[in-house]
PDB file of all heavy atoms in Angstrom:
ATOM      1  N   ASP A   1       0.762  -1.220  -0.058  1.00  0.00           N
ATOM      2  CA  ASP A   1      -0.035  -0.016   0.016  1.00  0.00           C
ATOM      3  C   ASP A   1       0.922   1.260  -0.009  1.00  0.00           C
ATOM      4  O   ASP A   1       0.376   2.440  -0.006  1.00  0.00           O
ATOM      5  CB  ASP A   1      -0.791   0.100   1.246  1.00  0.00           C
ATOM      6  CG  ASP A   1      -2.025  -1.119   1.143  1.00  0.00           C
ATOM      7  OD1 ASP A   1      -2.403  -1.389   0.122  1.00  0.00           O
ATOM      8  OD2 ASP A   1      -2.247  -1.709   2.228  1.00  0.00           O
ATOM      9  N   LEU A   2       2.109   1.110   0.006  1.00  0.00           N
ATOM     10  CA  LEU A   2       3.115   2.134   0.127  1.00  0.00           C
ATOM     11  C   LEU A   2       2.734   3.131   1.258  1.00  0.00           C
ATOM     12  O   LEU A   2       2.804   4.327   1.131  1.00  0.00           O
ATOM     13  CB  LEU A   2       3.077   3.056  -1.229  1.00  0.00           C
ATOM     14  CG  LEU A   2       3.606   2.153  -2.454  1.00  0.00           C
ATOM     15  CD1 LEU A   2       3.594   3.013  -3.711  1.00  0.00           C
ATOM     16  CD2 LEU A   2       4.922   1.501  -2.236  1.00  0.00           C
ATOM     17  N   TYR A   3       2.446   2.462   2.392  1.00  0.00           N
ATOM     18  CA  TYR A   3       2.033   3.283   3.552  1.00  0.00           C
ATOM     19  C   TYR A   3       2.968   3.004   4.651  1.00  0.00           C
ATOM     20  O   TYR A   3       3.434   3.954   5.282  1.00  0.00           O
ATOM     21  CB  TYR A   3       0.633   2.881   3.985  1.00  0.00           C
ATOM     22  CG  TYR A   3       0.043   3.642   5.208  1.00  0.00           C
ATOM     23  CD1 TYR A   3      -0.222   4.956   5.085  1.00  0.00           C
ATOM     24  CD2 TYR A   3      -0.003   3.163   6.493  1.00  0.00           C
ATOM     25  CE1 TYR A   3      -0.691   5.723   6.113  1.00  0.00           C
ATOM     26  CE2 TYR A   3      -0.442   3.846   7.508  1.00  0.00           C
ATOM     27  CZ  TYR A   3      -0.876   5.099   7.385  1.00  0.00           C
ATOM     28  OH  TYR A   3      -1.245   5.818   8.402  1.00  0.00           O
ATOM     29  N   HIS A   4       3.442   1.744   4.904  1.00  0.00           N
ATOM     30  CA  HIS A   4       4.285   1.447   5.920  1.00  0.00           C
ATOM     31  C   HIS A   4       5.703   1.018   5.352  1.00  0.00           C
ATOM     32  O   HIS A   4       5.736   0.469   4.225  1.00  0.00           O
ATOM     33  CB  HIS A   4       3.825   0.258   6.781  1.00  0.00           C
ATOM     34  CG  HIS A   4       2.717   0.474   7.570  1.00  0.00           C
ATOM     35  ND1 HIS A   4       2.653   1.399   8.685  1.00  0.00           N
ATOM     36  CD2 HIS A   4       1.373   0.188   7.428  1.00  0.00           C
ATOM     37  CE1 HIS A   4       1.518   1.538   9.178  1.00  0.00           C
ATOM     38  NE2 HIS A   4       0.684   0.730   8.421  1.00  0.00           N
ATOM     39  N   GLY A   5       6.761   1.381   6.023  1.00  0.00           N
ATOM     40  CA  GLY A   5       8.129   0.989   5.599  1.00  0.00           C
ATOM     41  C   GLY A   5       9.030   0.590   6.733  1.00  0.00           C
ATOM     42  O   GLY A   5       8.707   0.819   7.890  1.00  0.00           O
ATOM     43  N   ARG A   6      10.194   0.053   6.402  1.00  0.00           N
ATOM     44  CA  ARG A   6      11.110  -0.310   7.429  1.00  0.00           C
ATOM     45  C   ARG A   6      12.409  -0.300   6.785  1.00  0.00           C
ATOM     46  O   ARG A   6      12.728  -0.625   5.666  1.00  0.00           O
ATOM     47  CB  ARG A   6      10.839  -1.791   7.863  1.00  0.00           C
ATOM     48  CG  ARG A   6      11.800  -2.291   8.901  1.00  0.00           C
ATOM     49  CD  ARG A   6      11.354  -3.700   9.427  1.00  0.00           C
ATOM     50  NE  ARG A   6      10.028  -3.851   9.993  1.00  0.00           N
ATOM     51  CZ  ARG A   6       9.012  -4.568   9.409  1.00  0.00           C
ATOM     52  NH1 ARG A   6       9.311  -5.280   8.218  1.00  0.00           N
ATOM     53  NH2 ARG A   6       7.817  -4.562   9.792  1.00  0.00           N
ATOM     54  N   SER A   7      13.502   0.158   7.664  1.00  0.00           N
ATOM     55  CA  SER A   7      14.837   0.214   7.288  1.00  0.00           C
ATOM     56  C   SER A   7      15.765  -0.347   8.345  1.00  0.00           C
ATOM     57  O   SER A   7      15.481  -0.113   9.541  1.00  0.00           O
ATOM     58  CB  SER A   7      15.239   1.751   7.013  1.00  0.00           C
ATOM     59  OG  SER A   7      16.555   1.839   6.652  1.00  0.00           O
ATOM     60  N   HIS A   8      16.623  -1.057   7.886  1.00  0.00           N
ATOM     61  CA  HIS A   8      17.587  -1.651   8.823  1.00  0.00           C
ATOM     62  C   HIS A   8      19.081  -1.811   8.205  1.00  0.00           C
ATOM     63  O   HIS A   8      19.166  -1.745   6.921  1.00  0.00           O
ATOM     64  CB  HIS A   8      17.003  -2.992   9.149  1.00  0.00           C
ATOM     65  CG  HIS A   8      17.681  -3.577  10.487  1.00  0.00           C
ATOM     66  ND1 HIS A   8      18.866  -4.317  10.487  1.00  0.00           N
ATOM     67  CD2 HIS A   8      17.164  -3.681  11.734  1.00  0.00           C
ATOM     68  CE1 HIS A   8      19.088  -4.693  11.696  1.00  0.00           C
ATOM     69  NE2 HIS A   8      18.093  -4.331  12.437  1.00  0.00           N
ATOM     70  N   SER A   9      19.994  -1.905   8.923  1.00  0.00           N
ATOM     71  CA  SER A   9      21.349  -2.150   8.406  1.00  0.00           C
ATOM     72  C   SER A   9      21.433  -3.481   7.734  1.00  0.00           C
ATOM     73  O   SER A   9      20.721  -4.530   8.203  1.00  0.00           O
ATOM     74  CB  SER A   9      22.376  -2.088   9.487  1.00  0.00           C
ATOM     75  OG  SER A   9      22.140  -3.116  10.495  1.00  0.00           O
ATOM     76  N   CYS A  10      22.230  -3.684   6.592  1.00  0.00           N
ATOM     77  CA  CYS A  10      22.216  -4.960   5.876  1.00  0.00           C
ATOM     78  C   CYS A  10      23.659  -5.038   5.345  1.00  0.00           C
ATOM     79  O   CYS A  10      24.281  -3.986   5.146  1.00  0.00           O
ATOM     80  CB  CYS A  10      21.118  -5.025   4.941  1.00  0.00           C
ATOM     81  SG  CYS A  10      21.406  -4.202   3.377  1.00  0.00           S
ATOM     82  N   LYS A  11      24.052  -6.267   4.991  1.00  0.00           N
ATOM     83  CA  LYS A  11      25.377  -6.498   4.387  1.00  0.00           C
ATOM     84  C   LYS A  11      25.489  -6.016   2.957  1.00  0.00           C
ATOM     85  O   LYS A  11      26.623  -5.859   2.565  1.00  0.00           O
ATOM     86  CB  LYS A  11      25.675  -8.019   4.465  1.00  0.00           C
ATOM     87  CG  LYS A  11      25.770  -8.562   5.988  1.00  0.00           C
ATOM     88  CD  LYS A  11      25.989 -10.072   5.944  1.00  0.00           C
ATOM     89  CE  LYS A  11      26.241 -10.578   7.286  1.00  0.00           C
ATOM     90  NZ  LYS A  11      26.580 -12.062   7.377  1.00  0.00           N
ATOM     91  N   THR A  12      24.405  -6.064   2.225  1.00  0.00           N
ATOM     92  CA  THR A  12      24.552  -5.607   0.796  1.00  0.00           C
ATOM     93  C   THR A  12      25.198  -4.256   0.596  1.00  0.00           C
ATOM     94  O   THR A  12      25.999  -4.032  -0.267  1.00  0.00           O
ATOM     95  CB  THR A  12      23.143  -5.688   0.070  1.00  0.00           C
ATOM     96  OG1 THR A  12      22.573  -6.904   0.463  1.00  0.00           O
ATOM     97  CG2 THR A  12      23.374  -5.519  -1.403  1.00  0.00           C
ATOM     98  N   PHE A  13      24.687  -3.304   1.512  1.00  0.00           N
ATOM     99  CA  PHE A  13      25.132  -1.915   1.288  1.00  0.00           C
ATOM    100  C   PHE A  13      25.943  -1.397   2.515  1.00  0.00           C
ATOM    101  O   PHE A  13      26.377  -0.282   2.470  1.00  0.00           O
ATOM    102  CB  PHE A  13      23.923  -0.991   1.093  1.00  0.00           C
ATOM    103  CG  PHE A  13      23.091  -1.388  -0.169  1.00  0.00           C
ATOM    104  CD1 PHE A  13      21.933  -2.047  -0.049  1.00  0.00           C
ATOM    105  CD2 PHE A  13      23.627  -1.227  -1.459  1.00  0.00           C
ATOM    106  CE1 PHE A  13      21.086  -2.380  -1.083  1.00  0.00           C
ATOM    107  CE2 PHE A  13      22.957  -1.620  -2.595  1.00  0.00           C
ATOM    108  CZ  PHE A  13      21.711  -2.188  -2.480  1.00  0.00           C
ATOM    109  N   GLY A  14      25.990  -2.091   3.596  1.00  0.00           N
ATOM    110  CA  GLY A  14      26.758  -1.685   4.774  1.00  0.00           C
ATOM    111  C   GLY A  14      26.136  -0.362   5.324  1.00  0.00           C
ATOM    112  O   GLY A  14      26.812   0.521   5.879  1.00  0.00           O
ATOM    113  N   ASN A  15      24.815  -0.289   5.287  1.00  0.00           N
ATOM    114  CA  ASN A  15      24.281   0.989   5.665  1.00  0.00           C
ATOM    115  C   ASN A  15      23.643   0.888   7.115  1.00  0.00           C
ATOM    116  O   ASN A  15      23.556  -0.110   7.733  1.00  0.00           O
ATOM    117  CB  ASN A  15      22.985   1.248   4.816  1.00  0.00           C
ATOM    118  CG  ASN A  15      21.950   0.152   4.848  1.00  0.00           C
ATOM    119  OD1 ASN A  15      22.126  -0.917   4.370  1.00  0.00           O
ATOM    120  ND2 ASN A  15      20.710   0.360   5.552  1.00  0.00           N
ATOM    121  N   HIS A  16      23.456   2.119   7.648  1.00  0.00           N
ATOM    122  CA  HIS A  16      22.708   2.037   8.887  1.00  0.00           C
ATOM    123  C   HIS A  16      21.322   2.341   8.626  1.00  0.00           C
ATOM    124  O   HIS A  16      20.913   2.450   7.393  1.00  0.00           O
ATOM    125  CB  HIS A  16      23.334   3.228   9.855  1.00  0.00           C
ATOM    126  CG  HIS A  16      23.245   4.486   9.320  1.00  0.00           C
ATOM    127  ND1 HIS A  16      22.160   5.286   9.024  1.00  0.00           N
ATOM    128  CD2 HIS A  16      24.420   5.398   8.991  1.00  0.00           C
ATOM    129  CE1 HIS A  16      22.541   6.433   8.483  1.00  0.00           C
ATOM    130  NE2 HIS A  16      23.733   6.565   8.541  1.00  0.00           N
ATOM    131  N   THR A  17      20.513   2.509   9.565  1.00  0.00           N
ATOM    132  CA  THR A  17      19.006   2.871   9.394  1.00  0.00           C
ATOM    133  C   THR A  17      18.857   4.060   8.612  1.00  0.00           C
ATOM    134  O   THR A  17      19.372   5.114   8.993  1.00  0.00           O
ATOM    135  CB  THR A  17      18.225   2.851  10.723  1.00  0.00           C
ATOM    136  OG1 THR A  17      18.378   1.468  11.309  1.00  0.00           O
ATOM    137  CG2 THR A  17      16.788   3.061  10.457  1.00  0.00           C
ATOM    138  N   LEU A  18      18.197   4.119   7.445  1.00  0.00           N
ATOM    139  CA  LEU A  18      18.029   5.121   6.652  1.00  0.00           C
ATOM    140  C   LEU A  18      17.137   6.346   7.183  1.00  0.00           C
ATOM    141  O   LEU A  18      17.276   7.532   7.115  1.00  0.00           O
ATOM    142  CB  LEU A  18      17.538   4.929   5.350  1.00  0.00           C
ATOM    143  CG  LEU A  18      18.456   3.826   4.516  1.00  0.00           C
ATOM    144  CD1 LEU A  18      17.675   3.475   3.131  1.00  0.00           C
ATOM    145  CD2 LEU A  18      19.748   4.318   4.312  1.00  0.00           C
ATOM    146  N   SER A  19      16.049   5.841   7.930  1.00  0.00           N
ATOM    147  CA  SER A  19      15.041   6.658   8.629  1.00  0.00           C
ATOM    148  C   SER A  19      15.436   6.963   9.931  1.00  0.00           C
ATOM    149  O   SER A  19      16.390   6.319  10.433  1.00  0.00           O
ATOM    150  CB  SER A  19      13.720   6.145   8.451  1.00  0.00           C
ATOM    151  OG  SER A  19      13.669   4.686   8.903  1.00  0.00           O
ATOM    152  N   LYS A  20      14.662   7.835  10.585  1.00  0.00           N
ATOM    153  CA  LYS A  20      14.992   8.211  12.061  1.00  0.00           C
ATOM    154  C   LYS A  20      14.665   6.975  12.923  1.00  0.00           C
ATOM    155  O   LYS A  20      15.437   6.610  13.921  1.00  0.00           O
ATOM    156  CB  LYS A  20      14.210   9.377  12.508  1.00  0.00           C
ATOM    157  CG  LYS A  20      14.483   9.835  13.936  1.00  0.00           C
ATOM    158  CD  LYS A  20      13.591  11.077  14.380  1.00  0.00           C
ATOM    159  CE  LYS A  20      13.950  12.273  13.450  1.00  0.00           C
ATOM    160  NZ  LYS A  20      13.248  13.600  13.872  1.00  0.00           N
ATOM    161  N   GLN A  21      13.612   6.195  12.607  1.00  0.00           N
ATOM    162  CA  GLN A  21      13.197   4.982  13.265  1.00  0.00           C
ATOM    163  C   GLN A  21      13.161   3.851  12.258  1.00  0.00           C
ATOM    164  O   GLN A  21      12.882   4.031  11.136  1.00  0.00           O
ATOM    165  CB  GLN A  21      11.912   5.188  13.907  1.00  0.00           C
ATOM    166  CG  GLN A  21      11.852   6.414  14.862  1.00  0.00           C
ATOM    167  CD  GLN A  21      10.413   6.590  15.404  1.00  0.00           C
ATOM    168  OE1 GLN A  21       9.941   5.701  16.126  1.00  0.00           O
ATOM    169  NE2 GLN A  21       9.791   7.702  15.199  1.00  0.00           N
ATOM    170  N   GLU A  22      13.434   2.609  12.759  1.00  0.00           N
ATOM    171  CA  GLU A  22      13.285   1.462  11.855  1.00  0.00           C
ATOM    172  C   GLU A  22      12.073   1.350  11.130  1.00  0.00           C
ATOM    173  O   GLU A  22      12.059   1.064  10.024  1.00  0.00           O
ATOM    174  CB  GLU A  22      13.693   0.228  12.580  1.00  0.00           C
ATOM    175  CG  GLU A  22      15.220   0.163  13.049  1.00  0.00           C
ATOM    176  CD  GLU A  22      15.437  -1.248  13.735  1.00  0.00           C
ATOM    177  OE1 GLU A  22      14.640  -2.139  13.685  1.00  0.00           O
ATOM    178  OE2 GLU A  22      16.679  -1.491  14.218  1.00  0.00           O
ATOM    179  N   ASP A  23      10.949   1.519  11.902  1.00  0.00           N
ATOM    180  CA  ASP A  23       9.630   1.468  11.217  1.00  0.00           C
ATOM    181  C   ASP A  23       9.166   2.826  11.028  1.00  0.00           C
ATOM    182  O   ASP A  23       9.223   3.695  11.980  1.00  0.00           O
ATOM    183  CB  ASP A  23       8.661   0.651  12.151  1.00  0.00           C
ATOM    184  CG  ASP A  23       8.959  -0.773  12.270  1.00  0.00           C
ATOM    185  OD1 ASP A  23       8.819  -1.480  11.181  1.00  0.00           O
ATOM    186  OD2 ASP A  23       9.388  -1.248  13.256  1.00  0.00           O
ATOM    187  N   PHE A  24       8.659   3.113   9.796  1.00  0.00           N
ATOM    188  CA  PHE A  24       8.282   4.526   9.484  1.00  0.00           C
ATOM    189  C   PHE A  24       6.949   4.459   8.743  1.00  0.00           C
ATOM    190  O   PHE A  24       6.515   3.516   8.076  1.00  0.00           O
ATOM    191  CB  PHE A  24       9.291   5.334   8.767  1.00  0.00           C
ATOM    192  CG  PHE A  24       9.754   4.564   7.478  1.00  0.00           C
ATOM    193  CD1 PHE A  24       9.095   4.901   6.303  1.00  0.00           C
ATOM    194  CD2 PHE A  24      10.831   3.818   7.523  1.00  0.00           C
ATOM    195  CE1 PHE A  24       9.388   4.296   5.093  1.00  0.00           C
ATOM    196  CE2 PHE A  24      11.160   3.230   6.162  1.00  0.00           C
ATOM    197  CZ  PHE A  24      10.633   3.491   5.036  1.00  0.00           C
TER     198      PHE A  24
END
């Protein structure tokens, strides 16, 4: 629904959480 999202660190990109909170 492009309403809920989630961001987490992962090995593919070595990123930290992109948003302020993991669930947004």
